[in-house]
Amino acid sequence: MKNVIIVCEGKTESVFVKNVLTPYVQNHSVGAVIPITISTATTSYKSFKGGALSYQRLINGIINFLKDKNNIVTTMIDMYGLSTDFPKYKD
């Protein structure tokens, strides 16, 4: 069975995945449903997660998760405050 990795922008999306999507999806023959919040900024002593996710950081995370052939990857990010480096941002 495939695992479903859901890249979440922040805590709200992660909680939604855990409380709403996971119980539903697990009744449909998939492996684990795993919400992951990617670090959005890193300093020399701390990593920050949630909000202000750049396109490149998102793509790097997705590519990393897809290295495991047992993973299916999707996203749950807000359009509000979307980073301007996303393709077709102005559209």
PDB file of N, CA and C in Angstrom:
ATOM      1  N   MET A   1       0.838  -1.191   0.000  1.00  0.00           N
ATOM      2  CA  MET A   1       0.000   0.000   0.000  1.00  0.00           C
ATOM      3  C   MET A   1       0.879   1.249   0.000  1.00  0.00           C
ATOM      4  N   LYS A   2       0.378   2.286  -0.602  1.00  0.00           N
ATOM      5  CA  LYS A   2       1.085   3.559  -0.690  1.00  0.00           C
ATOM      6  C   LYS A   2       0.781   4.424   0.527  1.00  0.00           C
ATOM      7  N   ASN A   3       1.779   5.176   0.953  1.00  0.00           N
ATOM      8  CA  ASN A   3       1.584   6.193   1.987  1.00  0.00           C
ATOM      9  C   ASN A   3       1.182   7.489   1.297  1.00  0.00           C
ATOM     10  N   VAL A   4       0.331   8.258   1.927  1.00  0.00           N
ATOM     11  CA  VAL A   4      -0.071   9.556   1.405  1.00  0.00           C
ATOM     12  C   VAL A   4       0.598  10.629   2.257  1.00  0.00           C
ATOM     13  N   ILE A   5       1.542  11.340   1.650  1.00  0.00           N
ATOM     14  CA  ILE A   5       2.227  12.442   2.309  1.00  0.00           C
ATOM     15  C   ILE A   5       1.497  13.714   1.899  1.00  0.00           C
ATOM     16  N   ILE A   6       1.033  14.488   2.869  1.00  0.00           N
ATOM     17  CA  ILE A   6       0.371  15.758   2.578  1.00  0.00           C
ATOM     18  C   ILE A   6       1.240  16.865   3.149  1.00  0.00           C
ATOM     19  N   VAL A   7       1.859  17.626   2.239  1.00  0.00           N
ATOM     20  CA  VAL A   7       2.709  18.736   2.648  1.00  0.00           C
ATOM     21  C   VAL A   7       1.787  19.886   3.041  1.00  0.00           C
ATOM     22  N   CYS A   8       1.834  20.250   4.317  1.00  0.00           N
ATOM     23  CA  CYS A   8       0.953  21.272   4.879  1.00  0.00           C
ATOM     24  C   CYS A   8       1.722  22.570   5.100  1.00  0.00           C
ATOM     25  N   GLU A   9       1.018  23.672   4.920  1.00  0.00           N
ATOM     26  CA  GLU A   9       1.661  24.973   5.127  1.00  0.00           C
ATOM     27  C   GLU A   9       1.890  25.257   6.603  1.00  0.00           C
ATOM     28  N   GLY A  10       0.973  24.866   7.438  1.00  0.00           N
ATOM     29  CA  GLY A  10       1.105  25.188   8.856  1.00  0.00           C
ATOM     30  C   GLY A  10       0.331  24.238   9.740  1.00  0.00           C
ATOM     31  N   LYS A  11       0.200  24.632  10.986  1.00  0.00           N
ATOM     32  CA  LYS A  11      -0.439  23.786  11.995  1.00  0.00           C
ATOM     33  C   LYS A  11      -1.924  23.549  11.707  1.00  0.00           C
ATOM     34  N   THR A  12      -2.637  24.565  11.248  1.00  0.00           N
ATOM     35  CA  THR A  12      -4.071  24.413  10.976  1.00  0.00           C
ATOM     36  C   THR A  12      -4.315  23.331   9.936  1.00  0.00           C
ATOM     37  N   GLU A  13      -3.540  23.366   8.849  1.00  0.00           N
ATOM     38  CA  GLU A  13      -3.703  22.366   7.798  1.00  0.00           C
ATOM     39  C   GLU A  13      -3.323  20.975   8.298  1.00  0.00           C
ATOM     40  N   SER A  14      -2.276  20.906   9.089  1.00  0.00           N
ATOM     41  CA  SER A  14      -1.824  19.632   9.631  1.00  0.00           C
ATOM     42  C   SER A  14      -2.888  19.009  10.543  1.00  0.00           C
ATOM     43  N   VAL A  15      -3.501  19.819  11.381  1.00  0.00           N
ATOM     44  CA  VAL A  15      -4.564  19.331  12.271  1.00  0.00           C
ATOM     45  C   VAL A  15      -5.769  18.863  11.447  1.00  0.00           C
ATOM     46  N   PHE A  16      -6.113  19.593  10.393  1.00  0.00           N
ATOM     47  CA  PHE A  16      -7.213  19.192   9.513  1.00  0.00           C
ATOM     48  C   PHE A  16      -6.932  17.827   8.884  1.00  0.00           C
ATOM     49  N   VAL A  17      -5.710  17.628   8.421  1.00  0.00           N
ATOM     50  CA  VAL A  17      -5.346  16.340   7.826  1.00  0.00           C
ATOM     51  C   VAL A  17      -5.488  15.224   8.852  1.00  0.00           C
ATOM     52  N   LYS A  18      -4.966  15.448  10.051  1.00  0.00           N
ATOM     53  CA  LYS A  18      -5.015  14.419  11.092  1.00  0.00           C
ATOM     54  C   LYS A  18      -6.439  14.099  11.524  1.00  0.00           C
ATOM     55  N   ASN A  19      -7.261  15.132  11.721  1.00  0.00           N
ATOM     56  CA  ASN A  19      -8.588  14.927  12.307  1.00  0.00           C
ATOM     57  C   ASN A  19      -9.696  14.639  11.304  1.00  0.00           C
ATOM     58  N   VAL A  20      -9.546  15.120  10.075  1.00  0.00           N
ATOM     59  CA  VAL A  20     -10.628  14.979   9.100  1.00  0.00           C
ATOM     60  C   VAL A  20     -10.254  14.026   7.962  1.00  0.00           C
ATOM     61  N   LEU A  21      -9.144  14.284   7.305  1.00  0.00           N
ATOM     62  CA  LEU A  21      -8.789  13.488   6.131  1.00  0.00           C
ATOM     63  C   LEU A  21      -8.307  12.083   6.471  1.00  0.00           C
ATOM     64  N   THR A  22      -7.465  11.967   7.495  1.00  0.00           N
ATOM     65  CA  THR A  22      -6.893  10.662   7.824  1.00  0.00           C
ATOM     66  C   THR A  22      -7.944   9.595   8.094  1.00  0.00           C
ATOM     67  N   PRO A  23      -8.943   9.834   8.949  1.00  0.00           N
ATOM     68  CA  PRO A  23      -9.939   8.783   9.180  1.00  0.00           C
ATOM     69  C   PRO A  23     -10.684   8.381   7.899  1.00  0.00           C
ATOM     70  N   TYR A  24     -10.942   9.330   7.030  1.00  0.00           N
ATOM     71  CA  TYR A  24     -11.643   9.026   5.782  1.00  0.00           C
ATOM     72  C   TYR A  24     -10.760   8.232   4.825  1.00  0.00           C
ATOM     73  N   VAL A  25      -9.542   8.698   4.599  1.00  0.00           N
ATOM     74  CA  VAL A  25      -8.646   8.075   3.622  1.00  0.00           C
ATOM     75  C   VAL A  25      -8.226   6.680   4.064  1.00  0.00           C
ATOM     76  N   GLN A  26      -8.030   6.471   5.344  1.00  0.00           N
ATOM     77  CA  GLN A  26      -7.584   5.163   5.812  1.00  0.00           C
ATOM     78  C   GLN A  26      -8.638   4.085   5.625  1.00  0.00           C
ATOM     79  N   ASN A  27      -9.856   4.455   5.343  1.00  0.00           N
ATOM     80  CA  ASN A  27     -10.897   3.480   5.028  1.00  0.00           C
ATOM     81  C   ASN A  27     -10.922   3.141   3.542  1.00  0.00           C
ATOM     82  N   HIS A  28      -9.932   3.619   2.795  1.00  0.00           N
ATOM     83  CA  HIS A  28      -9.912   3.408   1.349  1.00  0.00           C
ATOM     84  C   HIS A  28      -8.598   2.775   0.880  1.00  0.00           C
ATOM     85  N   SER A  29      -8.140   1.789   1.599  1.00  0.00           N
ATOM     86  CA  SER A  29      -6.999   0.963   1.200  1.00  0.00           C
ATOM     87  C   SER A  29      -5.724   1.734   0.869  1.00  0.00           C
ATOM     88  N   VAL A  30      -5.333   2.623   1.749  1.00  0.00           N
ATOM     89  CA  VAL A  30      -4.030   3.276   1.630  1.00  0.00           C
ATOM     90  C   VAL A  30      -3.253   2.993   2.902  1.00  0.00           C
ATOM     91  N   GLY A  31      -1.946   3.205   2.842  1.00  0.00           N
ATOM     92  CA  GLY A  31      -1.120   3.041   4.035  1.00  0.00           C
ATOM     93  C   GLY A  31      -1.334   4.232   4.955  1.00  0.00           C
ATOM     94  N   ALA A  32      -0.282   4.709   5.516  1.00  0.00           N
ATOM     95  CA  ALA A  32      -0.360   5.842   6.435  1.00  0.00           C
ATOM     96  C   ALA A  32      -0.660   7.145   5.707  1.00  0.00           C
ATOM     97  N   VAL A  33      -1.378   8.026   6.378  1.00  0.00           N
ATOM     98  CA  VAL A  33      -1.590   9.397   5.911  1.00  0.00           C
ATOM     99  C   VAL A  33      -0.721  10.261   6.813  1.00  0.00           C
ATOM    100  N   ILE A  34       0.225  10.974   6.200  1.00  0.00           N
ATOM    101  CA  ILE A  34       1.236  11.667   6.983  1.00  0.00           C
ATOM    102  C   ILE A  34       1.255  13.149   6.629  1.00  0.00           C
ATOM    103  N   PRO A  35       0.761  14.013   7.532  1.00  0.00           N
ATOM    104  CA  PRO A  35       0.887  15.452   7.289  1.00  0.00           C
ATOM    105  C   PRO A  35       2.289  15.913   7.675  1.00  0.00           C
ATOM    106  N   ILE A  36       2.912  16.681   6.798  1.00  0.00           N
ATOM    107  CA  ILE A  36       4.253  17.176   7.072  1.00  0.00           C
ATOM    108  C   ILE A  36       4.285  18.671   6.820  1.00  0.00           C
ATOM    109  N   THR A  37       4.773  19.422   7.799  1.00  0.00           N
ATOM    110  CA  THR A  37       4.968  20.856   7.646  1.00  0.00           C
ATOM    111  C   THR A  37       6.452  21.082   7.380  1.00  0.00           C
ATOM    112  N   ILE A  38       6.745  21.656   6.219  1.00  0.00           N
ATOM    113  CA  ILE A  38       8.130  21.881   5.815  1.00  0.00           C
ATOM    114  C   ILE A  38       8.653  23.132   6.507  1.00  0.00           C
ATOM    115  N   SER A  39       9.927  23.082   6.902  1.00  0.00           N
ATOM    116  CA  SER A  39      10.562  24.269   7.484  1.00  0.00           C
ATOM    117  C   SER A  39      10.513  25.413   6.484  1.00  0.00           C
ATOM    118  N   THR A  40      10.189  26.599   6.973  1.00  0.00           N
ATOM    119  CA  THR A  40      10.099  27.758   6.098  1.00  0.00           C
ATOM    120  C   THR A  40      11.305  28.671   6.225  1.00  0.00           C
ATOM    121  N   ALA A  41      12.018  28.576   7.311  1.00  0.00           N
ATOM    122  CA  ALA A  41      13.217  29.388   7.508  1.00  0.00           C
ATOM    123  C   ALA A  41      14.116  28.682   8.510  1.00  0.00           C
ATOM    124  N   THR A  42      15.382  28.888   8.355  1.00  0.00           N
ATOM    125  CA  THR A  42      16.337  28.275   9.267  1.00  0.00           C
ATOM    126  C   THR A  42      17.380  29.309   9.671  1.00  0.00           C
ATOM    127  N   THR A  43      17.619  29.398  10.956  1.00  0.00           N
ATOM    128  CA  THR A  43      18.715  30.223  11.449  1.00  0.00           C
ATOM    129  C   THR A  43      19.789  29.271  11.951  1.00  0.00           C
ATOM    130  N   SER A  44      20.844  29.790  12.465  1.00  0.00           N
ATOM    131  CA  SER A  44      21.934  28.931  12.919  1.00  0.00           C
ATOM    132  C   SER A  44      21.541  28.063  14.109  1.00  0.00           C
ATOM    133  N   TYR A  45      20.479  28.423  14.807  1.00  0.00           N
ATOM    134  CA  TYR A  45      20.122  27.664  16.006  1.00  0.00           C
ATOM    135  C   TYR A  45      18.682  27.176  16.034  1.00  0.00           C
ATOM    136  N   LYS A  46      17.859  27.553  15.060  1.00  0.00           N
ATOM    137  CA  LYS A  46      16.451  27.176  15.127  1.00  0.00           C
ATOM    138  C   LYS A  46      15.857  27.047  13.728  1.00  0.00           C
ATOM    139  N   SER A  47      14.925  26.120  13.587  1.00  0.00           N
ATOM    140  CA  SER A  47      14.204  25.934  12.335  1.00  0.00           C
ATOM    141  C   SER A  47      12.749  26.330  12.557  1.00  0.00           C
ATOM    142  N   PHE A  48      12.193  27.095  11.640  1.00  0.00           N
ATOM    143  CA  PHE A  48      10.818  27.560  11.763  1.00  0.00           C
ATOM    144  C   PHE A  48       9.933  26.795  10.792  1.00  0.00           C
ATOM    145  N   LYS A  49       8.722  26.451  11.214  1.00  0.00           N
ATOM    146  CA  LYS A  49       7.782  25.743  10.360  1.00  0.00           C
ATOM    147  C   LYS A  49       6.480  26.506  10.292  1.00  0.00           C
ATOM    148  N   GLY A  50       5.837  26.410   9.121  1.00  0.00           N
ATOM    149  CA  GLY A  50       4.523  27.003   8.943  1.00  0.00           C
ATOM    150  C   GLY A  50       4.568  28.378   8.317  1.00  0.00           C
ATOM    151  N   GLY A  51       3.669  28.613   7.352  1.00  0.00           N
ATOM    152  CA  GLY A  51       3.536  29.917   6.703  1.00  0.00           C
ATOM    153  C   GLY A  51       4.717  30.290   5.828  1.00  0.00           C
ATOM    154  N   ALA A  52       4.495  31.199   4.908  1.00  0.00           N
ATOM    155  CA  ALA A  52       5.546  31.786   4.062  1.00  0.00           C
ATOM    156  C   ALA A  52       6.429  30.729   3.397  1.00  0.00           C
ATOM    157  N   LEU A  53       5.819  29.726   2.843  1.00  0.00           N
ATOM    158  CA  LEU A  53       6.551  28.639   2.198  1.00  0.00           C
ATOM    159  C   LEU A  53       6.939  29.048   0.783  1.00  0.00           C
ATOM    160  N   SER A  54       8.237  29.040   0.498  1.00  0.00           N
ATOM    161  CA  SER A  54       8.686  29.401  -0.850  1.00  0.00           C
ATOM    162  C   SER A  54       8.471  28.227  -1.796  1.00  0.00           C
ATOM    163  N   TYR A  55       8.359  28.545  -3.068  1.00  0.00           N
ATOM    164  CA  TYR A  55       8.158  27.520  -4.088  1.00  0.00           C
ATOM    165  C   TYR A  55       9.319  26.532  -4.106  1.00  0.00           C
ATOM    166  N   GLN A  56      10.539  27.038  -4.069  1.00  0.00           N
ATOM    167  CA  GLN A  56      11.701  26.153  -4.142  1.00  0.00           C
ATOM    168  C   GLN A  56      11.771  25.216  -2.945  1.00  0.00           C
ATOM    169  N   ARG A  57      11.468  25.720  -1.765  1.00  0.00           N
ATOM    170  CA  ARG A  57      11.482  24.865  -0.568  1.00  0.00           C
ATOM    171  C   ARG A  57      10.395  23.787  -0.675  1.00  0.00           C
ATOM    172  N   LEU A  58       9.237  24.152  -1.213  1.00  0.00           N
ATOM    173  CA  LEU A  58       8.158  23.178  -1.414  1.00  0.00           C
ATOM    174  C   LEU A  58       8.587  22.090  -2.396  1.00  0.00           C
ATOM    175  N   ILE A  59       9.140  22.491  -3.532  1.00  0.00           N
ATOM    176  CA  ILE A  59       9.574  21.529  -4.542  1.00  0.00           C
ATOM    177  C   ILE A  59      10.656  20.606  -3.992  1.00  0.00           C
ATOM    178  N   ASN A  60      11.608  21.154  -3.273  1.00  0.00           N
ATOM    179  CA  ASN A  60      12.669  20.325  -2.682  1.00  0.00           C
ATOM    180  C   ASN A  60      12.088  19.284  -1.733  1.00  0.00           C
ATOM    181  N   GLY A  61      11.104  19.675  -0.929  1.00  0.00           N
ATOM    182  CA  GLY A  61      10.467  18.735  -0.016  1.00  0.00           C
ATOM    183  C   GLY A  61       9.722  17.642  -0.758  1.00  0.00           C
ATOM    184  N   ILE A  62       8.974  18.032  -1.783  1.00  0.00           N
ATOM    185  CA  ILE A  62       8.208  17.051  -2.565  1.00  0.00           C
ATOM    186  C   ILE A  62       9.146  16.048  -3.232  1.00  0.00           C
ATOM    187  N   ILE A  63      10.205  16.540  -3.849  1.00  0.00           N
ATOM    188  CA  ILE A  63      11.162  15.643  -4.508  1.00  0.00           C
ATOM    189  C   ILE A  63      11.766  14.666  -3.506  1.00  0.00           C
ATOM    190  N   ASN A  64      12.087  15.151  -2.321  1.00  0.00           N
ATOM    191  CA  ASN A  64      12.648  14.287  -1.284  1.00  0.00           C
ATOM    192  C   ASN A  64      11.660  13.185  -0.887  1.00  0.00           C
ATOM    193  N   PHE A  65      10.386  13.538  -0.719  1.00  0.00           N
ATOM    194  CA  PHE A  65       9.385  12.540  -0.327  1.00  0.00           C
ATOM    195  C   PHE A  65       9.112  11.535  -1.441  1.00  0.00           C
ATOM    196  N   LEU A  66       9.238  11.960  -2.693  1.00  0.00           N
ATOM    197  CA  LEU A  66       8.977  11.067  -3.822  1.00  0.00           C
ATOM    198  C   LEU A  66      10.114  10.081  -4.078  1.00  0.00           C
ATOM    199  N   LYS A  67      11.228  10.244  -3.392  1.00  0.00           N
ATOM    200  CA  LYS A  67      12.330   9.278  -3.536  1.00  0.00           C
ATOM    201  C   LYS A  67      11.913   7.908  -3.042  1.00  0.00           C
ATOM    202  N   ASP A  68      10.982   7.875  -2.112  1.00  0.00           N
ATOM    203  CA  ASP A  68      10.427   6.609  -1.635  1.00  0.00           C
ATOM    204  C   ASP A  68       9.246   6.266  -2.534  1.00  0.00           C
ATOM    205  N   LYS A  69       9.364   5.198  -3.298  1.00  0.00           N
ATOM    206  CA  LYS A  69       8.338   4.814  -4.277  1.00  0.00           C
ATOM    207  C   LYS A  69       7.015   4.410  -3.624  1.00  0.00           C
ATOM    208  N   ASN A  70       7.001   4.271  -2.299  1.00  0.00           N
ATOM    209  CA  ASN A  70       5.762   3.933  -1.600  1.00  0.00           C
ATOM    210  C   ASN A  70       4.957   5.166  -1.212  1.00  0.00           C
ATOM    211  N   ASN A  71       5.430   6.345  -1.611  1.00  0.00           N
ATOM    212  CA  ASN A  71       4.760   7.591  -1.240  1.00  0.00           C
ATOM    213  C   ASN A  71       3.985   8.192  -2.405  1.00  0.00           C
ATOM    214  N   ILE A  72       2.835   8.708  -2.084  1.00  0.00           N
ATOM    215  CA  ILE A  72       2.075   9.595  -2.953  1.00  0.00           C
ATOM    216  C   ILE A  72       2.128  10.944  -2.240  1.00  0.00           C
ATOM    217  N   VAL A  73       2.398  12.023  -2.971  1.00  0.00           N
ATOM    218  CA  VAL A  73       2.562  13.325  -2.336  1.00  0.00           C
ATOM    219  C   VAL A  73       1.569  14.316  -2.912  1.00  0.00           C
ATOM    220  N   THR A  74       0.941  15.072  -2.028  1.00  0.00           N
ATOM    221  CA  THR A  74       0.068  16.169  -2.423  1.00  0.00           C
ATOM    222  C   THR A  74       0.324  17.337  -1.474  1.00  0.00           C
ATOM    223  N   THR A  75      -0.351  18.447  -1.694  1.00  0.00           N
ATOM    224  CA  THR A  75      -0.118  19.629  -0.857  1.00  0.00           C
ATOM    225  C   THR A  75      -1.424  20.186  -0.307  1.00  0.00           C
ATOM    226  N   MET A  76      -1.293  20.935   0.777  1.00  0.00           N
ATOM    227  CA  MET A  76      -2.403  21.700   1.331  1.00  0.00           C
ATOM    228  C   MET A  76      -1.806  23.016   1.824  1.00  0.00           C
ATOM    229  N   ILE A  77      -1.842  24.011   0.938  1.00  0.00           N
ATOM    230  CA  ILE A  77      -1.285  25.322   1.275  1.00  0.00           C
ATOM    231  C   ILE A  77      -2.330  26.398   0.989  1.00  0.00           C
ATOM    232  N   ASP A  78      -2.227  27.499   1.728  1.00  0.00           N
ATOM    233  CA  ASP A  78      -3.139  28.630   1.550  1.00  0.00           C
ATOM    234  C   ASP A  78      -2.739  29.443   0.333  1.00  0.00           C
ATOM    235  N   MET A  79      -3.723  29.995  -0.349  1.00  0.00           N
ATOM    236  CA  MET A  79      -3.442  30.941  -1.417  1.00  0.00           C
ATOM    237  C   MET A  79      -3.147  32.322  -0.816  1.00  0.00           C
ATOM    238  N   TYR A  80      -3.730  32.599   0.345  1.00  0.00           N
ATOM    239  CA  TYR A  80      -3.483  33.872   1.008  1.00  0.00           C
ATOM    240  C   TYR A  80      -2.028  33.935   1.444  1.00  0.00           C
ATOM    241  N   GLY A  81      -1.336  34.976   1.092  1.00  0.00           N
ATOM    242  CA  GLY A  81       0.056  35.132   1.484  1.00  0.00           C
ATOM    243  C   GLY A  81       1.004  34.235   0.709  1.00  0.00           C
ATOM    244  N   LEU A  82       0.530  33.688  -0.430  1.00  0.00           N
ATOM    245  CA  LEU A  82       1.359  32.810  -1.240  1.00  0.00           C
ATOM    246  C   LEU A  82       2.616  33.553  -1.692  1.00  0.00           C
ATOM    247  N   SER A  83       3.744  32.895  -1.614  1.00  0.00           N
ATOM    248  CA  SER A  83       5.005  33.500  -2.023  1.00  0.00           C
ATOM    249  C   SER A  83       4.967  33.849  -3.512  1.00  0.00           C
ATOM    250  N   THR A  84       5.511  34.982  -3.856  1.00  0.00           N
ATOM    251  CA  THR A  84       5.469  35.456  -5.241  1.00  0.00           C
ATOM    252  C   THR A  84       6.371  34.661  -6.172  1.00  0.00           C
ATOM    253  N   ASP A  85       7.165  33.730  -5.651  1.00  0.00           N
ATOM    254  CA  ASP A  85       8.023  32.926  -6.530  1.00  0.00           C
ATOM    255  C   ASP A  85       7.306  31.700  -7.101  1.00  0.00           C
ATOM    256  N   PHE A  86       6.032  31.489  -6.766  1.00  0.00           N
ATOM    257  CA  PHE A  86       5.268  30.384  -7.336  1.00  0.00           C
ATOM    258  C   PHE A  86       4.973  30.667  -8.808  1.00  0.00           C
ATOM    259  N   PRO A  87       5.085  29.638  -9.662  1.00  0.00           N
ATOM    260  CA  PRO A  87       4.775  29.834 -11.075  1.00  0.00           C
ATOM    261  C   PRO A  87       3.354  30.365 -11.260  1.00  0.00           C
ATOM    262  N   LYS A  88       3.189  31.262 -12.209  1.00  0.00           N
ATOM    263  CA  LYS A  88       1.909  31.875 -12.546  1.00  0.00           C
ATOM    264  C   LYS A  88       1.266  32.581 -11.360  1.00  0.00           C
ATOM    265  N   TYR A  89       2.086  33.073 -10.456  1.00  0.00           N
ATOM    266  CA  TYR A  89       1.594  33.773  -9.272  1.00  0.00           C
ATOM    267  C   TYR A  89       0.626  34.893  -9.642  1.00  0.00           C
ATOM    268  N   LYS A  90       0.970  35.677 -10.636  1.00  0.00           N
ATOM    269  CA  LYS A  90       0.144  36.822 -11.014  1.00  0.00           C
ATOM    270  C   LYS A  90      -1.178  36.409 -11.643  1.00  0.00           C
ATOM    271  N   ASP A  91      -1.215  35.214 -12.222  1.00  0.00           N
ATOM    272  CA  ASP A  91      -2.464  34.726 -12.817  1.00  0.00           C
ATOM    273  C   ASP A  91      -3.462  34.397 -11.729  1.00  0.00           C
TER     274      ASP A  91
END
